[in-house]
Amino acid sequence: MKVMDYVLGLLQKKSTIDDSVDLDTFDYMENGYVDSLGVIQFVFDMEEEFGIAFTDEELASSSFRIVGELVKLIEKKLEEKE
């Protein structure tokens, strides 16, 4: 499964992200797809699915809230794991 597909699947549990949205700059928290409580489950699901762990610095980074940046971070962690 592609990282982007999995992340989008998690984000779209409540409502669909329009196809016209630029995912490289889309802030999923600002747009209401994940709230401050939901982010814990969101992070847990990704860590479980991909067998990775995010650092506190990564979680605190503003780029963690951007779909495209988050996907790049996960892909980088998967490469480092191999």
N, C-alpha and C. Protein backbone atom coordinates (compact mmCIF):
# COMPACT_ATOMS: atom_id res chain seq x y z
N MET A 1 0.85 -1.20 0.00
CA MET A 1 0.00 0.00 0.00
C MET A 1 0.89 1.24 0.00
N LYS A 2 0.53 2.18 -0.84
CA LYS A 2 1.28 3.43 -0.89
C LYS A 2 1.00 4.27 0.35
N VAL A 3 2.04 4.97 0.80
CA VAL A 3 1.93 5.80 2.00
C VAL A 3 0.82 6.84 1.84
N MET A 4 0.79 7.53 0.71
CA MET A 4 -0.22 8.56 0.47
C MET A 4 -1.63 7.98 0.58
N ASP A 5 -1.85 6.81 0.00
CA ASP A 5 -3.17 6.19 0.03
C ASP A 5 -3.60 5.88 1.46
N TYR A 6 -2.66 5.39 2.26
CA TYR A 6 -2.98 5.05 3.65
C TYR A 6 -3.32 6.31 4.45
N VAL A 7 -2.47 7.33 4.33
CA VAL A 7 -2.69 8.58 5.07
C VAL A 7 -4.03 9.20 4.67
N LEU A 8 -4.32 9.23 3.38
CA LEU A 8 -5.60 9.78 2.92
C LEU A 8 -6.77 8.97 3.45
N GLY A 9 -6.61 7.66 3.51
CA GLY A 9 -7.66 6.80 4.05
C GLY A 9 -7.97 7.15 5.50
N LEU A 10 -6.92 7.38 6.28
CA LEU A 10 -7.12 7.78 7.69
C LEU A 10 -7.81 9.13 7.78
N LEU A 11 -7.36 10.07 6.96
CA LEU A 11 -7.91 11.43 7.02
C LEU A 11 -9.35 11.49 6.56
N GLN A 12 -9.72 10.61 5.65
CA GLN A 12 -11.05 10.69 5.06
C GLN A 12 -12.08 9.80 5.75
N LYS A 13 -11.80 9.38 6.97
CA LYS A 13 -12.79 8.58 7.72
C LYS A 13 -14.06 9.38 7.97
N LYS A 14 -13.91 10.68 8.23
CA LYS A 14 -15.07 11.53 8.53
C LYS A 14 -15.66 12.13 7.26
N SER A 15 -14.81 12.72 6.43
CA SER A 15 -15.31 13.31 5.18
C SER A 15 -14.22 13.29 4.12
N THR A 16 -14.64 13.30 2.88
CA THR A 16 -13.74 13.20 1.74
C THR A 16 -13.01 14.50 1.48
N ILE A 17 -11.73 14.38 1.12
CA ILE A 17 -10.95 15.54 0.70
C ILE A 17 -11.18 15.69 -0.80
N ASP A 18 -11.57 16.87 -1.21
CA ASP A 18 -11.87 17.15 -2.61
C ASP A 18 -10.64 16.90 -3.49
N ASP A 19 -10.87 16.35 -4.67
CA ASP A 19 -9.78 16.04 -5.60
C ASP A 19 -8.99 17.28 -6.03
N SER A 20 -9.60 18.45 -5.93
CA SER A 20 -8.92 19.67 -6.39
C SER A 20 -7.91 20.19 -5.36
N VAL A 21 -7.89 19.60 -4.16
CA VAL A 21 -6.99 20.06 -3.09
C VAL A 21 -5.55 19.67 -3.41
N ASP A 22 -4.62 20.62 -3.20
CA ASP A 22 -3.20 20.35 -3.37
C ASP A 22 -2.69 19.70 -2.09
N LEU A 23 -2.48 18.40 -2.13
CA LEU A 23 -2.10 17.66 -0.93
C LEU A 23 -0.71 18.02 -0.43
N ASP A 24 0.13 18.56 -1.30
CA ASP A 24 1.49 18.95 -0.89
C ASP A 24 1.47 20.13 0.08
N THR A 25 0.37 20.88 0.11
CA THR A 25 0.28 22.04 0.99
C THR A 25 -0.93 21.98 1.92
N PHE A 26 -1.69 20.88 1.89
CA PHE A 26 -2.94 20.76 2.64
C PHE A 26 -2.68 20.50 4.12
N ASP A 27 -3.15 21.42 4.99
CA ASP A 27 -3.02 21.28 6.44
C ASP A 27 -4.28 20.57 6.96
N TYR A 28 -4.13 19.30 7.29
CA TYR A 28 -5.30 18.49 7.68
C TYR A 28 -5.88 18.90 9.03
N MET A 29 -5.08 19.49 9.90
CA MET A 29 -5.63 19.93 11.20
C MET A 29 -6.39 21.24 11.04
N GLU A 30 -5.79 22.16 10.32
CA GLU A 30 -6.43 23.47 10.09
C GLU A 30 -7.77 23.30 9.37
N ASN A 31 -7.86 22.28 8.52
CA ASN A 31 -9.07 22.04 7.75
C ASN A 31 -10.04 21.08 8.44
N GLY A 32 -9.75 20.70 9.68
CA GLY A 32 -10.70 19.95 10.48
C GLY A 32 -10.75 18.45 10.26
N TYR A 33 -9.77 17.88 9.57
CA TYR A 33 -9.79 16.44 9.35
C TYR A 33 -9.29 15.66 10.56
N VAL A 34 -8.42 16.29 11.37
CA VAL A 34 -7.94 15.68 12.61
C VAL A 34 -7.93 16.78 13.65
N ASP A 35 -8.54 16.51 14.82
CA ASP A 35 -8.49 17.51 15.89
C ASP A 35 -7.39 17.17 16.88
N SER A 36 -7.23 17.99 17.89
CA SER A 36 -6.12 17.80 18.82
C SER A 36 -6.20 16.47 19.58
N LEU A 37 -7.38 15.95 19.79
CA LEU A 37 -7.52 14.64 20.43
C LEU A 37 -7.32 13.51 19.42
N GLY A 38 -7.83 13.71 18.23
CA GLY A 38 -7.74 12.69 17.19
C GLY A 38 -6.33 12.47 16.68
N VAL A 39 -5.47 13.47 16.86
CA VAL A 39 -4.11 13.36 16.33
C VAL A 39 -3.35 12.22 17.01
N ILE A 40 -3.67 11.93 18.27
CA ILE A 40 -3.00 10.84 18.98
C ILE A 40 -3.30 9.51 18.29
N GLN A 41 -4.57 9.27 17.99
CA GLN A 41 -4.96 8.03 17.30
C GLN A 41 -4.39 8.01 15.88
N PHE A 42 -4.41 9.15 15.21
CA PHE A 42 -3.87 9.29 13.85
C PHE A 42 -2.39 8.88 13.83
N VAL A 43 -1.61 9.42 14.76
CA VAL A 43 -0.18 9.11 14.84
C VAL A 43 0.01 7.63 15.17
N PHE A 44 -0.75 7.13 16.14
CA PHE A 44 -0.65 5.73 16.53
C PHE A 44 -0.91 4.80 15.35
N ASP A 45 -1.97 5.09 14.59
CA ASP A 45 -2.33 4.25 13.43
C ASP A 45 -1.20 4.22 12.41
N MET A 46 -0.58 5.37 12.15
CA MET A 46 0.51 5.41 11.17
C MET A 46 1.74 4.66 11.69
N GLU A 47 2.06 4.85 12.95
CA GLU A 47 3.22 4.16 13.52
C GLU A 47 3.02 2.65 13.49
N GLU A 48 1.81 2.20 13.79
CA GLU A 48 1.50 0.76 13.76
C GLU A 48 1.57 0.21 12.34
N GLU A 49 0.94 0.92 11.41
CA GLU A 49 0.88 0.45 10.01
C GLU A 49 2.26 0.30 9.39
N PHE A 50 3.12 1.28 9.65
CA PHE A 50 4.42 1.31 8.97
C PHE A 50 5.58 0.83 9.84
N GLY A 51 5.33 0.53 11.12
CA GLY A 51 6.39 0.05 12.00
C GLY A 51 7.46 1.11 12.25
N ILE A 52 7.01 2.36 12.40
CA ILE A 52 7.93 3.47 12.62
C ILE A 52 7.53 4.20 13.90
N ALA A 53 8.39 5.13 14.33
CA ALA A 53 8.07 5.98 15.47
C ALA A 53 8.44 7.41 15.13
N PHE A 54 7.57 8.33 15.46
CA PHE A 54 7.84 9.75 15.25
C PHE A 54 8.48 10.33 16.50
N THR A 55 9.44 11.22 16.32
CA THR A 55 10.05 11.90 17.46
C THR A 55 9.16 13.05 17.91
N ASP A 56 9.40 13.54 19.12
CA ASP A 56 8.64 14.70 19.61
C ASP A 56 8.85 15.90 18.70
N GLU A 57 10.08 16.05 18.20
CA GLU A 57 10.39 17.17 17.30
C GLU A 57 9.57 17.08 16.01
N GLU A 58 9.46 15.87 15.48
CA GLU A 58 8.68 15.68 14.25
C GLU A 58 7.21 15.99 14.49
N LEU A 59 6.70 15.52 15.61
CA LEU A 59 5.28 15.75 15.93
C LEU A 59 4.99 17.23 16.16
N ALA A 60 5.96 17.96 16.69
CA ALA A 60 5.76 19.38 16.99
C ALA A 60 5.96 20.27 15.76
N SER A 61 6.57 19.73 14.73
CA SER A 61 6.86 20.51 13.53
C SER A 61 5.58 20.89 12.78
N SER A 62 5.53 22.11 12.28
CA SER A 62 4.35 22.53 11.51
C SER A 62 4.20 21.72 10.24
N SER A 63 5.30 21.20 9.70
CA SER A 63 5.22 20.42 8.47
C SER A 63 4.54 19.06 8.70
N PHE A 64 4.47 18.60 9.96
CA PHE A 64 3.79 17.35 10.27
C PHE A 64 2.30 17.45 9.94
N ARG A 65 1.77 18.67 9.96
CA ARG A 65 0.34 18.89 9.70
C ARG A 65 0.01 18.98 8.22
N ILE A 66 1.03 18.97 7.37
CA ILE A 66 0.84 19.08 5.92
C ILE A 66 0.91 17.68 5.31
N VAL A 67 -0.11 17.29 4.58
CA VAL A 67 -0.20 15.92 4.05
C VAL A 67 1.06 15.55 3.26
N GLY A 68 1.47 16.38 2.31
CA GLY A 68 2.63 16.06 1.49
C GLY A 68 3.90 15.90 2.29
N GLU A 69 4.11 16.77 3.27
CA GLU A 69 5.31 16.70 4.12
C GLU A 69 5.27 15.46 5.01
N LEU A 70 4.10 15.12 5.52
CA LEU A 70 3.95 13.94 6.37
C LEU A 70 4.27 12.67 5.57
N VAL A 71 3.77 12.59 4.35
CA VAL A 71 4.03 11.42 3.50
C VAL A 71 5.53 11.30 3.23
N LYS A 72 6.20 12.42 2.94
CA LYS A 72 7.65 12.39 2.70
C LYS A 72 8.39 11.90 3.94
N LEU A 73 7.97 12.36 5.11
CA LEU A 73 8.60 11.96 6.37
C LEU A 73 8.45 10.45 6.58
N ILE A 74 7.27 9.92 6.35
CA ILE A 74 7.04 8.48 6.52
C ILE A 74 7.89 7.69 5.53
N GLU A 75 7.92 8.14 4.27
CA GLU A 75 8.71 7.44 3.26
C GLU A 75 10.20 7.44 3.62
N LYS A 76 10.68 8.57 4.17
CA LYS A 76 12.08 8.67 4.60
C LYS A 76 12.35 7.68 5.73
N LYS A 77 11.44 7.60 6.68
CA LYS A 77 11.60 6.68 7.81
C LYS A 77 11.59 5.22 7.32
N LEU A 78 10.77 4.92 6.33
CA LEU A 78 10.72 3.56 5.78
C LEU A 78 12.02 3.21 5.07
N GLU A 79 12.61 4.16 4.36
CA GLU A 79 13.89 3.94 3.69
C GLU A 79 14.99 3.68 4.72
N GLU A 80 14.98 4.46 5.80
CA GLU A 80 16.01 4.30 6.85
C GLU A 80 15.87 2.96 7.55
N LYS A 81 14.67 2.43 7.57
CA LYS A 81 14.39 1.17 8.25
C LYS A 81 14.94 -0.04 7.47
N GLU A 82 15.02 0.12 6.15
CA GLU A 82 15.41 -1.02 5.29
C GLU A 82 16.86 -1.41 5.46
